[in-house]
N, C-alpha and C. Protein backbone atom coordinates (compact mmCIF):
# COMPACT_ATOMS: atom_id res chain seq x y z
N MET A 1 -2.94 -0.80 -22.93
CA MET A 1 -2.43 -1.99 -22.44
C MET A 1 -2.39 -1.37 -21.08
N ASN A 2 -3.10 -1.75 -19.66
CA ASN A 2 -3.13 -1.28 -18.85
C ASN A 2 -1.86 -1.08 -17.40
N ALA A 3 -1.29 0.13 -17.44
CA ALA A 3 0.05 0.61 -17.18
C ALA A 3 0.41 0.21 -15.87
N LEU A 4 -0.56 -0.30 -14.97
CA LEU A 4 -0.47 -0.13 -13.14
C LEU A 4 -0.07 -2.07 -13.13
N SER A 5 -0.51 -3.15 -14.15
CA SER A 5 -0.31 -4.63 -14.19
C SER A 5 0.91 -5.03 -13.99
N SER A 6 1.47 -5.73 -14.54
CA SER A 6 2.41 -6.26 -14.78
C SER A 6 4.08 -5.22 -15.11
N GLU A 7 3.60 -4.07 -15.24
CA GLU A 7 4.42 -3.41 -16.12
C GLU A 7 4.58 -2.15 -15.55
N ASN A 8 4.39 -1.90 -13.84
CA ASN A 8 5.31 -1.29 -13.19
C ASN A 8 6.90 -2.22 -12.65
N GLN A 9 7.59 -0.95 -12.69
CA GLN A 9 8.92 -1.78 -12.62
C GLN A 9 9.07 -0.86 -11.72
N ILE A 10 9.67 -1.72 -10.63
CA ILE A 10 10.39 -1.68 -9.21
C ILE A 10 12.21 -1.15 -9.65
N ILE A 11 12.71 0.11 -9.26
CA ILE A 11 13.84 -0.31 -9.12
C ILE A 11 14.70 0.20 -7.37
N PRO A 12 16.15 -0.30 -6.54
CA PRO A 12 16.50 0.19 -5.41
C PRO A 12 17.41 0.69 -5.74
N GLU A 13 17.54 1.91 -5.80
CA GLU A 13 18.83 2.70 -5.45
C GLU A 13 18.98 2.99 -3.89
N ARG A 14 20.43 2.74 -3.72
CA ARG A 14 20.69 1.91 -2.66
C ARG A 14 21.42 3.64 -1.97
N THR A 15 21.04 4.30 -0.83
CA THR A 15 22.11 5.41 0.34
C THR A 15 22.67 4.79 0.79
N VAL A 16 23.17 5.66 1.81
CA VAL A 16 23.97 5.54 2.91
C VAL A 16 23.15 4.45 3.89
N ASN A 17 22.08 4.80 4.02
CA ASN A 17 21.38 4.09 4.73
C ASN A 17 20.11 3.31 4.95
N ALA A 18 19.28 3.64 3.49
CA ALA A 18 18.45 2.34 3.14
C ALA A 18 18.15 2.56 1.68
N PRO A 19 17.90 1.34 1.02
CA PRO A 19 17.55 1.19 -0.32
C PRO A 19 16.47 2.54 -0.44
N VAL A 20 16.29 2.79 -1.33
CA VAL A 20 15.35 3.84 -1.70
C VAL A 20 14.47 3.80 -2.87
N HIS A 21 13.38 2.94 -3.17
CA HIS A 21 13.10 3.17 -4.31
C HIS A 21 12.05 3.87 -5.56
N VAL A 22 12.15 3.58 -6.51
CA VAL A 22 11.84 4.44 -7.92
C VAL A 22 10.75 3.37 -8.24
N ILE A 23 9.67 3.65 -8.68
CA ILE A 23 8.23 2.91 -9.59
C ILE A 23 8.02 3.44 -10.85
N ARG A 24 8.71 2.47 -11.58
CA ARG A 24 7.43 3.31 -12.43
C ARG A 24 6.97 2.91 -13.71
N THR A 25 5.72 3.71 -13.92
CA THR A 25 4.07 3.36 -14.28
C THR A 25 4.10 3.56 -15.80
N GLY A 26 2.82 3.26 -16.40
CA GLY A 26 3.31 3.45 -17.53
C GLY A 26 2.98 5.95 -17.63
N ARG A 27 2.73 5.74 -16.82
CA ARG A 27 2.87 8.02 -17.59
C ARG A 27 3.49 8.68 -16.33
N LEU A 28 4.25 8.26 -14.69
CA LEU A 28 4.82 8.20 -13.82
C LEU A 28 5.59 7.64 -12.87
N ILE A 29 6.71 8.17 -11.81
CA ILE A 29 7.54 8.06 -11.98
C ILE A 29 7.86 8.47 -9.93
N LEU A 30 7.29 7.34 -9.20
CA LEU A 30 6.91 7.41 -7.72
C LEU A 30 8.00 7.26 -6.84
N LYS A 31 8.72 8.25 -6.36
CA LYS A 31 10.39 8.55 -5.49
C LYS A 31 10.19 8.89 -3.76
N CYS A 32 11.14 8.78 -3.94
CA CYS A 32 11.73 9.38 -1.89
C CYS A 32 11.39 10.59 -2.21
N PRO A 33 10.69 11.88 -1.74
CA PRO A 33 10.29 13.22 -2.52
C PRO A 33 12.20 13.79 -1.39
N VAL A 34 13.39 14.00 -2.04
CA VAL A 34 14.47 14.15 -2.00
C VAL A 34 14.93 15.02 -2.40
N ASP A 35 13.90 15.45 -3.52
CA ASP A 35 14.06 16.06 -4.68
C ASP A 35 13.16 16.65 -5.05
N VAL A 36 12.28 17.39 -4.60
CA VAL A 36 11.25 18.12 -4.87
C VAL A 36 11.03 19.51 -4.32
N GLU A 37 11.41 20.51 -5.36
CA GLU A 37 11.25 21.29 -5.24
C GLU A 37 9.90 22.39 -4.27
N ILE A 38 10.63 23.40 -3.82
CA ILE A 38 10.14 23.82 -2.49
C ILE A 38 8.76 24.65 -3.03
N LYS A 39 8.83 25.81 -3.82
CA LYS A 39 8.60 26.74 -4.92
C LYS A 39 7.03 25.81 -5.08
N ARG A 40 7.46 24.98 -5.76
CA ARG A 40 5.94 23.67 -6.72
C ARG A 40 5.90 23.62 -5.56
N LEU A 41 6.06 22.79 -4.63
CA LEU A 41 5.37 22.21 -3.77
C LEU A 41 4.85 22.77 -3.01
N VAL A 42 4.59 24.00 -2.79
CA VAL A 42 3.61 24.94 -2.08
C VAL A 42 2.25 25.34 -2.45
N PHE A 43 3.27 25.64 -3.79
CA PHE A 43 1.75 25.71 -5.15
C PHE A 43 1.01 25.00 -5.65
N LEU A 44 1.01 24.28 -5.24
CA LEU A 44 0.30 22.89 -5.37
C LEU A 44 -0.19 22.34 -4.17
N ALA A 45 0.47 22.43 -3.45
CA ALA A 45 -0.71 22.21 -1.89
C ALA A 45 -1.16 23.04 -1.20
N ASN A 46 -0.32 24.42 -1.55
CA ASN A 46 -1.88 25.15 -0.67
C ASN A 46 -2.71 25.27 -1.46
N ASN A 47 -3.58 24.13 -0.89
CA ASN A 47 -4.91 24.45 -1.81
C ASN A 47 -6.07 24.08 -0.93
N ARG A 48 -7.12 24.98 -0.38
CA ARG A 48 -7.97 24.41 0.13
C ARG A 48 -8.99 23.06 0.29
N ALA A 49 -9.42 22.93 -0.87
CA ALA A 49 -9.43 21.47 -1.13
C ALA A 49 -9.10 20.66 -1.71
N ILE A 50 -7.71 21.01 -1.47
CA ILE A 50 -7.39 19.57 -1.16
C ILE A 50 -6.86 18.90 0.55
N ALA A 51 -6.54 20.15 1.11
CA ALA A 51 -6.37 20.21 3.06
C ALA A 51 -7.05 19.93 3.61
N GLU A 52 -8.52 19.75 2.74
CA GLU A 52 -10.05 19.88 3.57
C GLU A 52 -10.06 17.60 3.19
N ASN A 53 -9.93 17.37 2.25
CA ASN A 53 -9.52 15.89 2.29
C ASN A 53 -8.09 15.31 2.89
N LEU A 54 -7.66 16.29 4.20
CA LEU A 54 -6.27 15.29 4.09
C LEU A 54 -6.68 15.57 5.63
N ALA A 55 -5.82 14.34 6.43
CA ALA A 55 -5.89 14.39 7.97
C ALA A 55 -5.19 15.81 8.64
N THR A 56 -4.03 15.68 7.40
CA THR A 56 -2.79 16.38 8.97
C THR A 56 -2.26 18.14 7.54
N MET A 57 -2.89 17.58 6.95
CA MET A 57 -1.73 19.26 5.85
C MET A 57 -2.54 20.74 5.94
N PRO A 58 -1.87 21.26 6.08
CA PRO A 58 -2.64 21.64 6.69
C PRO A 58 -2.73 23.18 6.16
N TYR A 59 -3.52 24.61 6.08
CA TYR A 59 -4.18 25.47 5.55
C TYR A 59 -4.53 27.44 6.01
N PRO A 60 -3.80 27.43 5.23
CA PRO A 60 -2.66 27.48 4.14
C PRO A 60 -1.72 27.26 4.62
N TYR A 61 -0.99 27.06 3.05
CA TYR A 61 0.26 25.78 3.39
C TYR A 61 1.61 26.92 2.69
N THR A 62 2.71 26.76 3.48
CA THR A 62 3.77 27.45 3.60
C THR A 62 4.78 27.25 3.09
N GLU A 63 6.18 28.06 2.86
CA GLU A 63 7.45 27.17 3.06
C GLU A 63 7.51 26.47 3.85
N LYS A 64 7.53 26.92 4.62
CA LYS A 64 7.92 26.13 6.37
C LYS A 64 7.30 25.35 6.09
N ASP A 65 5.61 25.22 5.92
CA ASP A 65 4.91 23.84 6.30
C ASP A 65 5.36 23.02 4.84
N ALA A 66 5.96 22.98 3.84
CA ALA A 66 6.78 22.57 2.82
C ALA A 66 8.19 21.56 3.68
N VAL A 67 8.89 23.00 3.84
CA VAL A 67 10.47 23.08 4.30
C VAL A 67 10.48 21.50 5.72
N GLU A 68 9.29 22.15 6.78
CA GLU A 68 9.10 21.36 7.76
C GLU A 68 9.21 19.49 7.03
N TRP A 69 7.85 19.73 6.29
CA TRP A 69 7.03 17.81 5.65
C TRP A 69 8.26 17.02 4.29
N LEU A 70 9.33 18.38 4.66
CA LEU A 70 10.49 17.45 3.67
C LEU A 70 11.18 16.63 4.53
N GLU A 71 11.61 17.81 5.43
CA GLU A 71 12.46 17.05 6.42
C GLU A 71 12.24 16.07 7.20
N ARG A 72 10.68 15.77 8.08
CA ARG A 72 10.44 14.28 8.13
C ARG A 72 10.03 13.20 7.19
N LYS A 73 8.98 14.22 6.22
CA LYS A 73 8.95 12.86 5.99
C LYS A 73 10.23 11.64 4.59
N THR A 74 11.24 12.13 4.68
CA THR A 74 12.86 11.72 3.91
C THR A 74 12.77 11.46 5.39
N GLU A 75 12.98 11.69 6.48
CA GLU A 75 13.15 10.51 7.63
C GLU A 75 12.50 8.73 7.18
N SER A 76 13.35 7.60 7.93
CA SER A 76 12.23 6.19 8.09
C SER A 76 11.33 6.48 8.26
N ARG A 77 10.50 5.93 7.35
CA ARG A 77 8.98 5.99 8.38
C ARG A 77 9.42 4.17 8.72
N ILE A 78 8.52 4.11 9.46
CA ILE A 78 7.83 2.40 10.55
C ILE A 78 7.13 2.39 10.23
N GLY A 79 7.29 0.60 9.30
CA GLY A 79 5.52 0.77 9.28
C GLY A 79 5.28 1.09 7.53
N GLY A 80 5.99 1.94 6.63
CA GLY A 80 5.01 2.50 6.06
C GLY A 80 6.00 3.05 4.82
N LYS A 81 5.99 3.67 3.61
CA LYS A 81 6.84 3.90 2.69
C LYS A 81 5.34 5.82 2.21
N LEU A 82 6.88 6.36 1.33
CA LEU A 82 6.16 7.85 1.19
C LEU A 82 6.60 8.03 -0.19
N PHE A 83 5.66 8.86 -0.76
CA PHE A 83 6.30 8.55 -2.59
C PHE A 83 6.07 10.14 -3.44
N SER A 84 7.02 10.81 -3.31
CA SER A 84 6.90 12.10 -4.71
C SER A 84 6.33 11.54 -5.82
N ILE A 85 5.17 12.45 -6.11
CA ILE A 85 4.56 11.88 -7.99
C ILE A 85 4.89 12.34 -8.91
N HIS A 86 5.31 12.28 -9.77
CA HIS A 86 6.05 12.63 -10.82
C HIS A 86 5.14 12.51 -12.13
N LEU A 87 5.43 13.48 -12.98
CA LEU A 87 5.01 12.10 -14.42
C LEU A 87 6.49 12.46 -15.25
N ASP A 88 6.64 11.14 -15.90
CA ASP A 88 7.64 10.93 -16.57
C ASP A 88 7.66 11.18 -18.20
N ILE A 89 8.07 12.40 -17.75
CA ILE A 89 8.34 13.18 -19.19
C ILE A 89 9.65 13.70 -18.75
N PRO A 90 10.21 14.97 -19.97
CA PRO A 90 11.56 15.12 -19.47
C PRO A 90 10.98 16.56 -18.62
N GLY A 91 12.32 16.08 -16.68
CA GLY A 91 12.15 17.22 -16.14
C GLY A 91 11.42 16.44 -15.14
N GLU A 92 11.16 15.53 -15.22
CA GLU A 92 10.25 14.66 -14.27
C GLU A 92 9.20 15.37 -13.07
N PRO A 93 7.94 16.73 -13.87
CA PRO A 93 7.36 17.63 -13.35
C PRO A 93 6.70 17.40 -11.60
N PHE A 94 6.56 17.91 -10.52
CA PHE A 94 5.85 16.89 -9.02
C PHE A 94 4.85 17.63 -9.45
N ILE A 95 3.77 16.67 -8.59
CA ILE A 95 2.30 16.95 -9.39
C ILE A 95 1.98 16.19 -8.36
N GLY A 96 2.48 15.26 -6.88
CA GLY A 96 1.95 15.16 -5.56
C GLY A 96 2.29 14.35 -5.00
N THR A 97 1.75 13.48 -3.95
CA THR A 97 1.63 12.52 -3.56
C THR A 97 1.47 11.42 -2.69
N VAL A 98 1.90 10.28 -2.97
CA VAL A 98 0.98 9.17 -2.47
C VAL A 98 1.79 8.54 -1.06
N GLY A 99 0.62 7.44 0.25
CA GLY A 99 1.84 6.56 1.02
C GLY A 99 1.36 6.50 1.72
N TYR A 100 2.20 5.37 2.60
CA TYR A 100 1.46 4.54 3.36
C TYR A 100 1.90 4.94 4.85
N GLY A 101 1.23 4.12 5.58
CA GLY A 101 1.94 4.06 7.59
C GLY A 101 0.73 4.19 8.21
N PRO A 102 1.15 3.67 9.87
CA PRO A 102 -0.07 3.65 10.40
C PRO A 102 -0.51 4.93 11.14
N MET A 103 -1.33 5.26 11.55
CA MET A 103 -1.58 6.34 11.89
C MET A 103 -2.04 6.31 13.44
N ARG A 104 -1.74 5.28 13.61
CA ARG A 104 -1.99 5.16 14.91
C ARG A 104 -0.88 3.84 15.51
N GLU A 105 0.29 4.03 16.93
CA GLU A 105 0.60 3.17 17.51
C GLU A 105 -0.19 1.35 17.24
N GLY A 106 0.81 0.23 15.95
CA GLY A 106 0.71 -0.93 16.42
C GLY A 106 -0.73 -0.82 14.83
N GLY A 107 -0.28 0.43 14.88
CA GLY A 107 -2.22 0.67 13.82
C GLY A 107 -2.21 -0.59 12.18
N ASN A 108 -2.52 -0.98 11.93
CA ASN A 108 -2.76 -1.32 9.80
C ASN A 108 -2.38 -0.19 8.86
N PRO A 109 -1.11 -0.10 8.40
CA PRO A 109 -1.03 1.22 7.71
C PRO A 109 -2.01 2.09 6.75
N GLU A 110 -1.86 3.10 6.65
CA GLU A 110 -3.75 3.67 5.80
C GLU A 110 -2.72 4.22 4.98
N ILE A 111 -3.53 4.13 3.60
CA ILE A 111 -3.17 4.87 2.46
C ILE A 111 -3.52 6.35 2.61
N GLY A 112 -2.08 7.36 1.77
CA GLY A 112 -2.87 8.95 1.32
C GLY A 112 -2.43 8.74 0.57
N TYR A 113 -2.70 10.24 -0.55
CA TYR A 113 -2.35 10.60 -1.31
C TYR A 113 -3.08 11.84 -1.67
N TRP A 114 -2.99 12.85 -2.62
CA TRP A 114 -3.20 13.78 -3.42
C TRP A 114 -2.74 14.26 -4.27
N ILE A 115 -3.30 14.72 -5.18
CA ILE A 115 -2.44 15.07 -7.16
C ILE A 115 -3.16 16.68 -6.66
N GLY A 116 -1.82 17.68 -7.16
CA GLY A 116 -2.47 19.33 -7.30
C GLY A 116 -3.68 18.89 -8.54
N GLN A 117 -4.32 20.44 -7.95
CA GLN A 117 -5.49 20.44 -9.20
C GLN A 117 -5.42 20.83 -10.67
N PRO A 118 -4.08 21.54 -10.77
CA PRO A 118 -4.01 21.38 -12.58
C PRO A 118 -4.00 19.85 -13.27
N TYR A 119 -3.58 19.14 -12.16
CA TYR A 119 -3.66 17.20 -12.56
C TYR A 119 -4.22 16.47 -12.11
N TRP A 120 -5.80 16.86 -12.25
CA TRP A 120 -6.99 16.89 -11.92
C TRP A 120 -7.78 15.98 -13.18
N GLY A 121 -8.68 14.94 -12.73
CA GLY A 121 -9.20 14.11 -13.65
C GLY A 121 -8.16 13.37 -14.67
N GLU A 122 -7.41 12.89 -14.98
CA GLU A 122 -6.77 12.43 -15.87
C GLU A 122 -6.17 11.38 -15.15
N GLY A 123 -6.26 10.75 -13.93
CA GLY A 123 -5.87 9.65 -13.40
C GLY A 123 -4.83 8.78 -12.89
N TYR A 124 -4.38 9.65 -12.36
CA TYR A 124 -2.63 10.59 -11.85
C TYR A 124 -2.94 9.52 -10.45
N GLY A 125 -4.17 9.57 -9.82
CA GLY A 125 -4.03 8.99 -8.45
C GLY A 125 -4.75 8.03 -8.63
N GLY A 126 -5.09 7.04 -9.22
CA GLY A 126 -5.59 5.96 -9.30
C GLY A 126 -3.74 5.00 -9.81
N GLU A 127 -3.06 5.87 -10.40
CA GLU A 127 -2.28 4.95 -10.63
C GLU A 127 -1.57 5.17 -9.51
N ALA A 128 -1.43 6.69 -9.12
CA ALA A 128 -0.27 6.44 -8.76
C ALA A 128 -0.71 5.24 -7.10
N ALA A 129 -2.43 5.71 -7.25
CA ALA A 129 -2.61 4.96 -5.95
C ALA A 129 -1.69 3.69 -5.79
N ARG A 130 -2.09 2.53 -7.42
CA ARG A 130 -2.28 1.39 -7.14
C ARG A 130 -0.77 0.93 -7.37
N ALA A 131 -0.15 1.72 -7.83
CA ALA A 131 1.33 1.33 -7.89
C ALA A 131 1.79 1.52 -5.77
N ALA A 132 1.50 2.73 -5.40
CA ALA A 132 2.40 1.42 -3.92
C ALA A 132 0.99 1.21 -3.37
N ILE A 133 0.18 0.40 -3.66
CA ILE A 133 -0.09 -0.85 -3.12
C ILE A 133 0.09 -1.77 -3.87
N ASP A 134 0.66 -2.06 -5.03
CA ASP A 134 1.59 -3.19 -5.34
C ASP A 134 2.53 -3.14 -4.56
N PHE A 135 3.24 -2.51 -4.44
CA PHE A 135 4.26 -1.96 -3.65
C PHE A 135 4.69 -2.31 -2.10
N ALA A 136 3.30 -2.21 -1.13
CA ALA A 136 3.02 -2.18 -0.09
C ALA A 136 2.83 -3.85 0.03
N PHE A 137 2.22 -4.15 -0.22
CA PHE A 137 1.81 -6.05 -0.52
C PHE A 137 2.86 -6.73 -1.24
N GLU A 138 3.61 -6.59 -2.27
CA GLU A 138 4.74 -7.32 -2.27
C GLU A 138 6.09 -7.11 -2.20
N GLU A 139 6.47 -5.93 -1.82
CA GLU A 139 7.75 -5.60 -0.87
C GLU A 139 7.83 -5.45 0.24
N ASP A 140 6.04 -4.92 1.15
CA ASP A 140 6.63 -4.55 2.68
C ASP A 140 5.91 -5.32 3.42
N ASP A 141 5.23 -7.07 2.55
CA ASP A 141 5.04 -7.25 3.39
C ASP A 141 3.87 -6.88 3.62
N VAL A 142 1.97 -5.72 3.32
CA VAL A 142 1.71 -5.84 4.11
C VAL A 142 0.76 -6.98 4.36
N VAL A 143 -0.69 -6.33 4.96
CA VAL A 143 -1.67 -7.80 5.34
C VAL A 143 -3.01 -7.42 5.06
N VAL A 144 -3.49 -6.40 6.08
CA VAL A 144 -4.38 -5.05 6.41
C VAL A 144 -4.01 -3.85 5.29
N MET A 145 -4.10 -2.94 4.82
CA MET A 145 -3.67 -2.00 4.25
C MET A 145 -5.26 -1.57 4.26
N GLU A 146 -5.28 -0.19 5.44
CA GLU A 146 -6.75 0.62 5.27
C GLU A 146 -6.25 1.56 5.13
N ALA A 147 -7.41 2.94 4.45
CA ALA A 147 -7.59 3.76 4.28
C ALA A 147 -9.47 4.51 4.35
N GLY A 148 -9.48 5.90 4.65
CA GLY A 148 -10.89 6.59 5.54
C GLY A 148 -10.82 8.12 3.90
N ALA A 149 -11.88 8.43 4.06
CA ALA A 149 -12.31 9.63 2.39
C ALA A 149 -13.39 10.43 3.34
N ARG A 150 -13.48 11.10 3.13
CA ARG A 150 -14.47 12.27 3.71
C ARG A 150 -15.47 11.08 3.21
N ILE A 151 -16.28 10.97 3.83
CA ILE A 151 -17.88 10.99 2.83
C ILE A 151 -18.35 11.95 2.02
N ASN A 152 -18.23 13.08 1.82
CA ASN A 152 -18.82 14.65 0.48
C ASN A 152 -17.18 14.57 -0.27
N ASN A 153 -16.75 12.93 -0.34
CA ASN A 153 -15.16 13.11 -1.10
C ASN A 153 -15.76 11.69 -2.22
N VAL A 154 -16.75 11.77 -2.80
CA VAL A 154 -17.40 11.03 -3.87
C VAL A 154 -15.94 10.63 -4.64
N THR A 155 -14.77 11.36 -5.46
CA THR A 155 -14.12 10.92 -6.36
C THR A 155 -13.37 9.69 -4.99
N SER A 156 -12.53 10.37 -4.33
CA SER A 156 -11.23 9.32 -3.34
C SER A 156 -12.55 8.37 -3.21
N ARG A 157 -13.49 7.72 -2.84
CA ARG A 157 -13.67 6.83 -2.23
C ARG A 157 -14.12 6.01 -4.12
N ARG A 158 -15.20 6.53 -4.51
CA ARG A 158 -14.84 5.78 -6.17
C ARG A 158 -13.20 5.30 -6.50
N LEU A 159 -12.10 6.00 -5.92
CA LEU A 159 -10.26 5.63 -6.40
C LEU A 159 -10.74 4.20 -5.04
N LEU A 160 -10.45 4.43 -4.07
CA LEU A 160 -11.13 3.30 -3.52
C LEU A 160 -11.92 1.90 -3.62
N GLU A 161 -12.45 2.50 -4.24
CA GLU A 161 -13.29 0.76 -4.57
C GLU A 161 -13.20 0.62 -6.02
N LYS A 162 -12.34 1.26 -6.21
CA LYS A 162 -11.21 0.98 -7.73
C LYS A 162 -10.04 0.07 -7.40
N CYS A 163 -9.83 0.14 -6.24
CA CYS A 163 -8.49 -0.10 -6.29
C CYS A 163 -9.10 -1.45 -5.14
N GLY A 164 -9.97 -1.60 -5.43
CA GLY A 164 -10.32 -3.20 -4.08
C GLY A 164 -10.69 -2.80 -2.96
N PHE A 165 -10.27 -1.72 -2.20
CA PHE A 165 -11.32 -1.89 -1.05
C PHE A 165 -12.67 -1.10 -1.06
N GLU A 166 -12.51 -2.22 0.55
CA GLU A 166 -13.82 -2.62 0.74
C GLU A 166 -14.84 -1.51 2.15
N TYR A 167 -15.48 -1.16 1.77
CA TYR A 167 -16.51 -0.23 3.44
C TYR A 167 -16.13 -1.37 4.03
N GLN A 168 -15.63 -0.30 5.15
CA GLN A 168 -16.03 -0.89 6.71
C GLN A 168 -16.66 0.02 7.54
N GLY A 169 -17.17 0.68 6.81
CA GLY A 169 -18.40 1.66 8.60
C GLY A 169 -17.73 3.27 8.55
N PHE A 170 -18.34 3.81 9.58
CA PHE A 170 -18.29 5.46 8.64
C PHE A 170 -17.92 5.61 11.09
N GLY A 171 -16.89 6.21 10.43
CA GLY A 171 -15.74 7.15 12.20
C GLY A 171 -15.90 8.26 11.83
N LYS A 172 -14.63 9.15 12.08
CA LYS A 172 -14.16 10.51 11.88
C LYS A 172 -12.65 10.45 12.36
N THR A 173 -12.18 11.25 12.05
CA THR A 173 -10.26 11.73 12.18
C THR A 173 -10.42 12.79 12.07
N TYR A 174 -9.35 13.85 13.32
CA TYR A 174 -8.86 15.40 12.48
C TYR A 174 -8.36 15.59 12.00
N SER A 175 -9.26 16.90 11.11
CA SER A 175 -8.70 17.56 10.52
C SER A 175 -8.01 18.99 10.13
N ARG A 176 -6.71 19.07 10.67
CA ARG A 176 -5.44 19.84 10.69
C ARG A 176 -5.81 21.36 9.52
N ALA A 177 -6.52 21.42 8.94
CA ALA A 177 -7.58 22.69 8.47
C ALA A 177 -7.77 22.89 8.07
N LEU A 178 -9.52 22.30 9.22
CA LEU A 178 -10.20 22.38 9.76
C LEU A 178 -10.10 22.94 10.86
N ASP A 179 -9.19 22.24 11.13
CA ASP A 179 -9.32 22.62 12.49
C ASP A 179 -10.88 21.58 13.55
N GLU A 180 -10.92 20.47 13.10
CA GLU A 180 -11.72 19.92 13.62
C GLU A 180 -12.04 18.54 13.35
N GLU A 181 -12.60 18.03 13.81
CA GLU A 181 -13.22 16.40 13.82
C GLU A 181 -14.20 16.48 12.30
N VAL A 182 -13.95 14.89 11.57
CA VAL A 182 -15.02 15.47 10.34
C VAL A 182 -15.54 14.03 9.90
N PRO A 183 -16.50 13.95 9.68
CA PRO A 183 -17.36 12.35 9.28
C PRO A 183 -16.42 11.52 8.32
N VAL A 184 -15.69 10.30 8.23
CA VAL A 184 -15.43 9.75 6.92
C VAL A 184 -16.07 7.88 7.06
N ASP A 185 -16.11 8.04 5.30
CA ASP A 185 -15.64 6.67 5.45
C ASP A 185 -14.81 5.64 5.99
N ARG A 186 -14.99 4.81 5.93
CA ARG A 186 -13.62 3.47 6.43
C ARG A 186 -13.49 2.92 5.92
N PHE A 187 -12.24 2.10 5.39
CA PHE A 187 -11.88 1.22 3.85
C PHE A 187 -10.72 0.35 4.87
N ALA A 188 -10.99 -1.47 3.72
CA ALA A 188 -10.27 -1.46 4.36
C ALA A 188 -9.64 -2.96 2.73
N LEU A 189 -8.92 -3.06 2.70
CA LEU A 189 -7.78 -4.14 1.91
C LEU A 189 -7.33 -4.99 1.98
N THR A 190 -7.31 -6.54 2.33
CA THR A 190 -7.00 -7.35 2.78
C THR A 190 -5.79 -7.80 1.61
N ARG A 191 -5.11 -8.61 1.97
CA ARG A 191 -4.04 -9.68 1.03
C ARG A 191 -5.01 -10.86 0.13
N PRO A 192 -6.24 -11.63 0.34
CA PRO A 192 -6.11 -12.12 -0.32
C PRO A 192 -7.28 -11.96 -1.01
N LYS A 193 -7.17 -10.61 -0.17
CA LYS A 193 -8.41 -9.01 -1.71
C LYS A 193 -7.74 -8.97 -3.15
N TYR A 194 -6.58 -9.01 -2.60
CA TYR A 194 -5.80 -7.93 -3.24
C TYR A 194 -4.78 -8.68 -4.31
N GLN A 195 -4.67 -10.00 -3.84
CA GLN A 195 -3.91 -11.23 -4.41
C GLN A 195 -5.15 -11.92 -6.06
N GLY A 196 -6.62 -10.78 -5.62
CA GLY A 196 -7.51 -11.49 -6.48
C GLY A 196 -7.50 -10.71 -7.56
N LEU A 197 -6.70 -8.87 -6.93
CA LEU A 197 -6.96 -7.97 -8.30
C LEU A 197 -5.99 -8.17 -9.85
N LYS A 198 -7.22 -7.46 -10.41
CA LYS A 198 -6.38 -8.33 -12.23
C LYS A 198 -5.56 -7.41 -12.56
N TRP A 199 -5.49 -5.84 -11.76
CA TRP A 199 -4.38 -4.72 -12.18
C TRP A 199 -3.09 -5.51 -10.69
N ARG A 200 -2.78 -6.13 -10.02
CA ARG A 200 -1.75 -6.16 -9.23
C ARG A 200 -0.98 -6.78 -9.97
N ARG A 201 0.10 -6.25 -9.68
CA ARG A 201 1.42 -6.56 -10.37
C ARG A 201 1.88 -8.11 -10.19
N GLN A 202 2.51 -8.36 -10.10
CA GLN A 202 2.61 -9.85 -10.28
C GLN A 202 4.13 -10.15 -9.99
N GLY A 203 4.28 -9.88 -8.26
CA GLY A 203 5.75 -10.55 -7.53
C GLY A 203 5.54 -11.54 -6.89
N ARG A 204 5.80 -11.34 -5.37
CA ARG A 204 5.48 -13.07 -5.21
C ARG A 204 4.08 -12.94 -3.97
N ALA A 205 3.58 -13.59 -4.06
CA ALA A 205 2.23 -14.48 -3.64
C ALA A 205 2.71 -14.07 -1.68
């Protein structure tokens, strides 16, 4: 059974300021990253192969970076959401993050994600991305979601295409880890295209 279709469960948990959502897929739990353990975050994120494929992740990745990221990312994000990714097993080990939000003022939300290297090759990135896409279109009323992938990142490009994203053209983005602009392929997923995807959660149309 495809755990990324109508089996996703979105459970609102109320906090003082705003609702925090927990999403359960077949194998994963996605939630607000308030309880991510710093040392584990550093252990997984301090990886050049990950940082080089993300726009804003530094390398090396230190405990100071982790603390600053958690303080910044657990605040309210206008036009976006961020989830920490955990295995749905006892202890709920943290394995990465997925989220979306505008990269520039007035821009469409852009999805971003990473999975710690020990968990590569298991399909967790696609499972988490689909759950976040479902949430964006069904709960946040996103109209167009954008994405980028470095031109040499074949895995990310395939993941985006499997999630329904369509190629939009060539561009460049600044890489914090490399401290330079790098070439990227640009993608977009529109609401009509999303509504035609077989795996999408059957929520509001």
